[in-house]
Amino acid sequence: MTTIFAVHHKGECAMSGDGQVTLGNSVVMKHTARKVRKIFNGNVLAGFAGSVADAFTLFEMFEAKLEEYNGNLQRAAVEMAKQWRSDNVLRKLEAMLVVMDKDHLLLVSGTGEVIEPDDGILAIGSGGNYALAAGRALMRFSSDHLSAKEIAQSSLQIAAEICVFTNTNIIVEEL
């Protein structure tokens, strides 16, 4: 279980993720997993929540779609979601992706969802709602003073204080 948070803010992009890998609902197997990464020559950020093996499959598939559609994030996400939903093997993958570039922020799921938030903030995973609430409060009440990176870092930190499936080993990537 994990938490991924992404934000577009003042022309900046940042995505954060914690490092916890949980087996079932009771055993922490790893504290330092890297669930947020730069892909497509460092022009796209991607983060996952769900099964690690499934997420790696989805990262590879998404990066191939980005190559196929010349870096068009929206088109790559839609085409991947269509393939993911319609393929009998892929449909069983248990993960979600958040992907972003300088212009777009998208949630991609195996049910065919490709969602771009209205407010430039997305969060997924077990602590996603906590991070989302924290991020919205930070944007609303202190956005003039904080960078996208600081909002991403702080939102995950707050989620880790509340959610037992989110730890404080936070990775933040920026574009």
C-alpha atoms as a PDB file:
ATOM      1  CA  MET A   1       0.000   0.000   0.000  1.00  0.00           C
ATOM      2  CA  THR A   2       1.236   3.448  -0.746  1.00  0.00           C
ATOM      3  CA  THR A   3       0.513   7.082  -1.373  1.00  0.00           C
ATOM      4  CA  ILE A   4       1.292   9.082  -4.514  1.00  0.00           C
ATOM      5  CA  PHE A   5       0.634  12.827  -4.775  1.00  0.00           C
ATOM      6  CA  ALA A   6       1.065  15.115  -7.803  1.00  0.00           C
ATOM      7  CA  VAL A   7       0.603  18.851  -8.277  1.00  0.00           C
ATOM      8  CA  HIS A   8       0.825  21.516 -10.974  1.00  0.00           C
ATOM      9  CA  HIS A   9       1.486  24.842  -9.263  1.00  0.00           C
ATOM     10  CA  LYS A  10       2.733  28.194 -10.573  1.00  0.00           C
ATOM     11  CA  GLY A  11       4.151  26.607 -13.725  1.00  0.00           C
ATOM     12  CA  GLU A  12       5.946  23.904 -11.733  1.00  0.00           C
ATOM     13  CA  CYS A  13       5.264  20.160 -11.578  1.00  0.00           C
ATOM     14  CA  ALA A  14       6.051  17.846  -8.690  1.00  0.00           C
ATOM     15  CA  MET A  15       5.144  14.293  -7.744  1.00  0.00           C
ATOM     16  CA  SER A  16       5.829  12.590  -4.433  1.00  0.00           C
ATOM     17  CA  GLY A  17       5.533   9.021  -3.243  1.00  0.00           C
ATOM     18  CA  ASP A  18       6.332   7.176  -0.063  1.00  0.00           C
ATOM     19  CA  GLY A  19       8.533   4.093   0.113  1.00  0.00           C
ATOM     20  CA  GLN A  20       6.384   1.593   1.995  1.00  0.00           C
ATOM     21  CA  VAL A  21       5.618  -1.832   0.551  1.00  0.00           C
ATOM     22  CA  THR A  22       3.063  -3.722   2.594  1.00  0.00           C
ATOM     23  CA  LEU A  23       2.310  -7.429   2.343  1.00  0.00           C
ATOM     24  CA  GLY A  24      -1.357  -7.878   3.062  1.00  0.00           C
ATOM     25  CA  ASN A  25      -2.661  -5.545   5.726  1.00  0.00           C
ATOM     26  CA  SER A  26      -0.214  -6.274   8.488  1.00  0.00           C
ATOM     27  CA  VAL A  27       3.424  -6.633   7.405  1.00  0.00           C
ATOM     28  CA  VAL A  28       5.726  -3.901   6.104  1.00  0.00           C
ATOM     29  CA  MET A  29       8.137  -5.646   3.732  1.00  0.00           C
ATOM     30  CA  LYS A  30      10.134  -2.652   2.510  1.00  0.00           C
ATOM     31  CA  HIS A  31      10.552   0.973   3.535  1.00  0.00           C
ATOM     32  CA  THR A  32      12.511   2.388   0.586  1.00  0.00           C
ATOM     33  CA  ALA A  33      10.648   1.485  -2.599  1.00  0.00           C
ATOM     34  CA  ARG A  34      10.793   4.049  -5.406  1.00  0.00           C
ATOM     35  CA  LYS A  35       7.253   4.469  -6.788  1.00  0.00           C
ATOM     36  CA  VAL A  36       7.740   7.799  -8.548  1.00  0.00           C
ATOM     37  CA  ARG A  37      10.067   8.165 -11.510  1.00  0.00           C
ATOM     38  CA  LYS A  38      10.925  10.217 -14.531  1.00  0.00           C
ATOM     39  CA  ILE A  39      10.266   8.541 -17.860  1.00  0.00           C
ATOM     40  CA  PHE A  40      10.360   9.508 -21.538  1.00  0.00           C
ATOM     41  CA  ASN A  41      13.773  11.193 -21.409  1.00  0.00           C
ATOM     42  CA  GLY A  42      12.915  12.988 -18.165  1.00  0.00           C
ATOM     43  CA  ASN A  43       9.912  14.836 -19.649  1.00  0.00           C
ATOM     44  CA  VAL A  44       7.181  12.867 -17.861  1.00  0.00           C
ATOM     45  CA  LEU A  45       6.658  11.915 -14.241  1.00  0.00           C
ATOM     46  CA  ALA A  46       4.843   8.697 -13.383  1.00  0.00           C
ATOM     47  CA  GLY A  47       3.827   7.239 -10.043  1.00  0.00           C
ATOM     48  CA  PHE A  48       1.978   4.074  -9.128  1.00  0.00           C
ATOM     49  CA  ALA A  49      -0.118   2.595  -6.373  1.00  0.00           C
ATOM     50  CA  GLY A  50      -0.880  -1.110  -6.251  1.00  0.00           C
ATOM     51  CA  SER A  51       1.001  -4.277  -7.012  1.00  0.00           C
ATOM     52  CA  VAL A  52       4.665  -3.553  -7.773  1.00  0.00           C
ATOM     53  CA  ALA A  53       5.030  -6.137 -10.543  1.00  0.00           C
ATOM     54  CA  ASP A  54       1.828  -4.892 -12.164  1.00  0.00           C
ATOM     55  CA  ALA A  55       3.013  -1.297 -11.916  1.00  0.00           C
ATOM     56  CA  PHE A  56       6.305  -2.075 -13.677  1.00  0.00           C
ATOM     57  CA  THR A  57       4.330  -3.657 -16.497  1.00  0.00           C
ATOM     58  CA  LEU A  58       2.210  -0.513 -16.717  1.00  0.00           C
ATOM     59  CA  PHE A  59       5.244   1.822 -16.630  1.00  0.00           C
ATOM     60  CA  GLU A  60       6.754  -0.035 -19.591  1.00  0.00           C
ATOM     61  CA  MET A  61       3.465  -0.076 -21.448  1.00  0.00           C
ATOM     62  CA  PHE A  62       2.878   3.626 -20.850  1.00  0.00           C
ATOM     63  CA  GLU A  63       6.378   4.603 -21.919  1.00  0.00           C
ATOM     64  CA  ALA A  64       5.902   2.578 -25.126  1.00  0.00           C
ATOM     65  CA  LYS A  65       2.656   4.481 -25.777  1.00  0.00           C
ATOM     66  CA  LEU A  66       4.470   7.791 -25.193  1.00  0.00           C
ATOM     67  CA  GLU A  67       7.055   6.752 -27.790  1.00  0.00           C
ATOM     68  CA  GLU A  68       4.325   5.668 -30.200  1.00  0.00           C
ATOM     69  CA  TYR A  69       2.468   8.992 -29.861  1.00  0.00           C
ATOM     70  CA  ASN A  70       5.569  11.238 -29.840  1.00  0.00           C
ATOM     71  CA  GLY A  71       5.234  12.276 -26.188  1.00  0.00           C
ATOM     72  CA  ASN A  72       1.544  13.248 -26.387  1.00  0.00           C
ATOM     73  CA  LEU A  73       0.620  12.468 -22.774  1.00  0.00           C
ATOM     74  CA  GLN A  74      -3.143  12.595 -23.217  1.00  0.00           C
ATOM     75  CA  ARG A  75      -3.202  10.404 -26.308  1.00  0.00           C
ATOM     76  CA  ALA A  76      -0.772   7.894 -24.772  1.00  0.00           C
ATOM     77  CA  ALA A  77      -2.897   7.708 -21.607  1.00  0.00           C
ATOM     78  CA  VAL A  78      -6.157   7.172 -23.499  1.00  0.00           C
ATOM     79  CA  GLU A  79      -4.668   4.504 -25.756  1.00  0.00           C
ATOM     80  CA  MET A  80      -3.084   2.729 -22.788  1.00  0.00           C
ATOM     81  CA  ALA A  81      -6.339   2.812 -20.823  1.00  0.00           C
ATOM     82  CA  LYS A  82      -8.209   1.342 -23.805  1.00  0.00           C
ATOM     83  CA  GLN A  83      -5.668  -1.463 -24.158  1.00  0.00           C
ATOM     84  CA  TRP A  84      -5.544  -2.073 -20.411  1.00  0.00           C
ATOM     85  CA  ARG A  85      -9.325  -2.320 -20.153  1.00  0.00           C
ATOM     86  CA  SER A  86      -9.852  -4.525 -23.197  1.00  0.00           C
ATOM     87  CA  ASP A  87      -7.004  -7.029 -22.766  1.00  0.00           C
ATOM     88  CA  ASN A  88      -7.953 -10.105 -20.700  1.00  0.00           C
ATOM     89  CA  VAL A  89      -4.526 -10.386 -19.045  1.00  0.00           C
ATOM     90  CA  LEU A  90      -3.908  -6.674 -18.509  1.00  0.00           C
ATOM     91  CA  ARG A  91      -7.392  -6.206 -17.063  1.00  0.00           C
ATOM     92  CA  LYS A  92      -6.297  -8.289 -14.063  1.00  0.00           C
ATOM     93  CA  LEU A  93      -3.469  -5.913 -13.179  1.00  0.00           C
ATOM     94  CA  GLU A  94      -4.024  -4.264  -9.824  1.00  0.00           C
ATOM     95  CA  ALA A  95      -2.473  -0.810  -9.964  1.00  0.00           C
ATOM     96  CA  MET A  96      -3.208   2.800 -10.814  1.00  0.00           C
ATOM     97  CA  LEU A  97      -0.954   5.373 -12.449  1.00  0.00           C
ATOM     98  CA  VAL A  98      -0.611   9.107 -12.090  1.00  0.00           C
ATOM     99  CA  VAL A  99       1.262  10.661 -15.010  1.00  0.00           C
ATOM    100  CA  MET A 100       2.177  14.267 -15.679  1.00  0.00           C
ATOM    101  CA  ASP A 101       4.117  16.540 -17.952  1.00  0.00           C
ATOM    102  CA  LYS A 102       4.454  20.327 -17.936  1.00  0.00           C
ATOM    103  CA  ASP A 103       0.934  20.729 -19.339  1.00  0.00           C
ATOM    104  CA  HIS A 104      -1.195  17.837 -18.089  1.00  0.00           C
ATOM    105  CA  LEU A 105      -1.816  15.734 -14.995  1.00  0.00           C
ATOM    106  CA  LEU A 106      -3.745  12.478 -15.447  1.00  0.00           C
ATOM    107  CA  LEU A 107      -4.998   9.504 -13.478  1.00  0.00           C
ATOM    108  CA  VAL A 108      -5.019   6.297 -15.538  1.00  0.00           C
ATOM    109  CA  SER A 109      -6.815   3.142 -14.363  1.00  0.00           C
ATOM    110  CA  GLY A 110      -7.561  -0.328 -15.640  1.00  0.00           C
ATOM    111  CA  THR A 111     -11.264   0.410 -15.822  1.00  0.00           C
ATOM    112  CA  GLY A 112     -10.608   2.736 -18.728  1.00  0.00           C
ATOM    113  CA  GLU A 113     -10.547   5.933 -16.675  1.00  0.00           C
ATOM    114  CA  VAL A 114      -8.337   8.814 -17.763  1.00  0.00           C
ATOM    115  CA  ILE A 115      -9.089  11.734 -15.464  1.00  0.00           C
ATOM    116  CA  GLU A 116      -7.571  15.210 -15.439  1.00  0.00           C
ATOM    117  CA  PRO A 117      -8.352  17.032 -12.180  1.00  0.00           C
ATOM    118  CA  ASP A 118      -9.889  20.510 -12.171  1.00  0.00           C
ATOM    119  CA  ASP A 119      -7.527  21.868  -9.533  1.00  0.00           C
ATOM    120  CA  GLY A 120      -4.146  20.508 -10.675  1.00  0.00           C
ATOM    121  CA  ILE A 121      -3.848  18.028  -7.799  1.00  0.00           C
ATOM    122  CA  LEU A 122      -4.121  14.226  -7.813  1.00  0.00           C
ATOM    123  CA  ALA A 123      -3.469  11.615  -5.149  1.00  0.00           C
ATOM    124  CA  ILE A 124      -3.860   7.832  -5.182  1.00  0.00           C
ATOM    125  CA  GLY A 125      -3.218   4.923  -2.869  1.00  0.00           C
ATOM    126  CA  SER A 126      -4.205   4.138   0.685  1.00  0.00           C
ATOM    127  CA  GLY A 127      -3.170   7.562   1.956  1.00  0.00           C
ATOM    128  CA  GLY A 128      -4.336   9.362  -1.168  1.00  0.00           C
ATOM    129  CA  ASN A 129      -7.337  11.081   0.381  1.00  0.00           C
ATOM    130  CA  TYR A 130      -5.231  12.356   3.289  1.00  0.00           C
ATOM    131  CA  ALA A 131      -2.572  13.717   0.922  1.00  0.00           C
ATOM    132  CA  LEU A 132      -5.229  15.215  -1.350  1.00  0.00           C
ATOM    133  CA  ALA A 133      -6.895  17.050   1.554  1.00  0.00           C
ATOM    134  CA  ALA A 134      -3.532  18.312   2.797  1.00  0.00           C
ATOM    135  CA  GLY A 135      -2.507  19.418  -0.696  1.00  0.00           C
ATOM    136  CA  ARG A 136      -5.752  21.306  -1.251  1.00  0.00           C
ATOM    137  CA  ALA A 137      -5.374  23.089   2.090  1.00  0.00           C
ATOM    138  CA  LEU A 138      -1.764  23.993   1.318  1.00  0.00           C
ATOM    139  CA  MET A 139      -2.769  25.309  -2.109  1.00  0.00           C
ATOM    140  CA  ARG A 140      -5.673  27.286  -0.689  1.00  0.00           C
ATOM    141  CA  PHE A 141      -3.974  28.874   2.300  1.00  0.00           C
ATOM    142  CA  SER A 142      -0.264  29.112   1.533  1.00  0.00           C
ATOM    143  CA  SER A 143       0.242  28.671  -2.192  1.00  0.00           C
ATOM    144  CA  ASP A 144       1.879  32.087  -2.485  1.00  0.00           C
ATOM    145  CA  HIS A 145       4.723  30.913  -0.259  1.00  0.00           C
ATOM    146  CA  LEU A 146       5.204  27.287  -1.328  1.00  0.00           C
ATOM    147  CA  SER A 147       6.665  25.686  -4.439  1.00  0.00           C
ATOM    148  CA  ALA A 148       5.130  22.638  -6.117  1.00  0.00           C
ATOM    149  CA  LYS A 149       7.925  20.537  -4.593  1.00  0.00           C
ATOM    150  CA  GLU A 150       7.185  21.836  -1.087  1.00  0.00           C
ATOM    151  CA  ILE A 151       3.461  21.157  -1.491  1.00  0.00           C
ATOM    152  CA  ALA A 152       4.155  17.607  -2.748  1.00  0.00           C
ATOM    153  CA  GLN A 153       6.595  16.921   0.114  1.00  0.00           C
ATOM    154  CA  SER A 154       4.348  18.373   2.824  1.00  0.00           C
ATOM    155  CA  SER A 155       1.195  16.647   1.577  1.00  0.00           C
ATOM    156  CA  LEU A 156       2.892  13.248   1.762  1.00  0.00           C
ATOM    157  CA  GLN A 157       4.375  14.048   5.167  1.00  0.00           C
ATOM    158  CA  ILE A 158       0.905  14.879   6.522  1.00  0.00           C
ATOM    159  CA  ALA A 159      -0.569  11.716   4.987  1.00  0.00           C
ATOM    160  CA  ALA A 160       2.211   9.657   6.630  1.00  0.00           C
ATOM    161  CA  GLU A 161       1.254  11.093  10.015  1.00  0.00           C
ATOM    162  CA  ILE A 162      -2.296   9.749   9.587  1.00  0.00           C
ATOM    163  CA  CYS A 163      -2.174   6.676   7.311  1.00  0.00           C
ATOM    164  CA  VAL A 164      -0.513   3.511   8.643  1.00  0.00           C
ATOM    165  CA  PHE A 165       0.157   2.380   5.053  1.00  0.00           C
ATOM    166  CA  THR A 166       2.212   5.513   4.222  1.00  0.00           C
ATOM    167  CA  ASN A 167       5.730   6.090   5.527  1.00  0.00           C
ATOM    168  CA  THR A 168       7.987   9.121   5.729  1.00  0.00           C
ATOM    169  CA  ASN A 169      10.598   7.865   3.246  1.00  0.00           C
ATOM    170  CA  ILE A 170       9.372  10.329   0.625  1.00  0.00           C
ATOM    171  CA  ILE A 171      10.718  10.700  -2.894  1.00  0.00           C
ATOM    172  CA  VAL A 172       9.874  13.910  -4.768  1.00  0.00           C
ATOM    173  CA  GLU A 173      10.503  14.351  -8.486  1.00  0.00           C
ATOM    174  CA  GLU A 174      10.075  17.611 -10.385  1.00  0.00           C
ATOM    175  CA  LEU A 175       9.788  18.760 -13.981  1.00  0.00           C
END
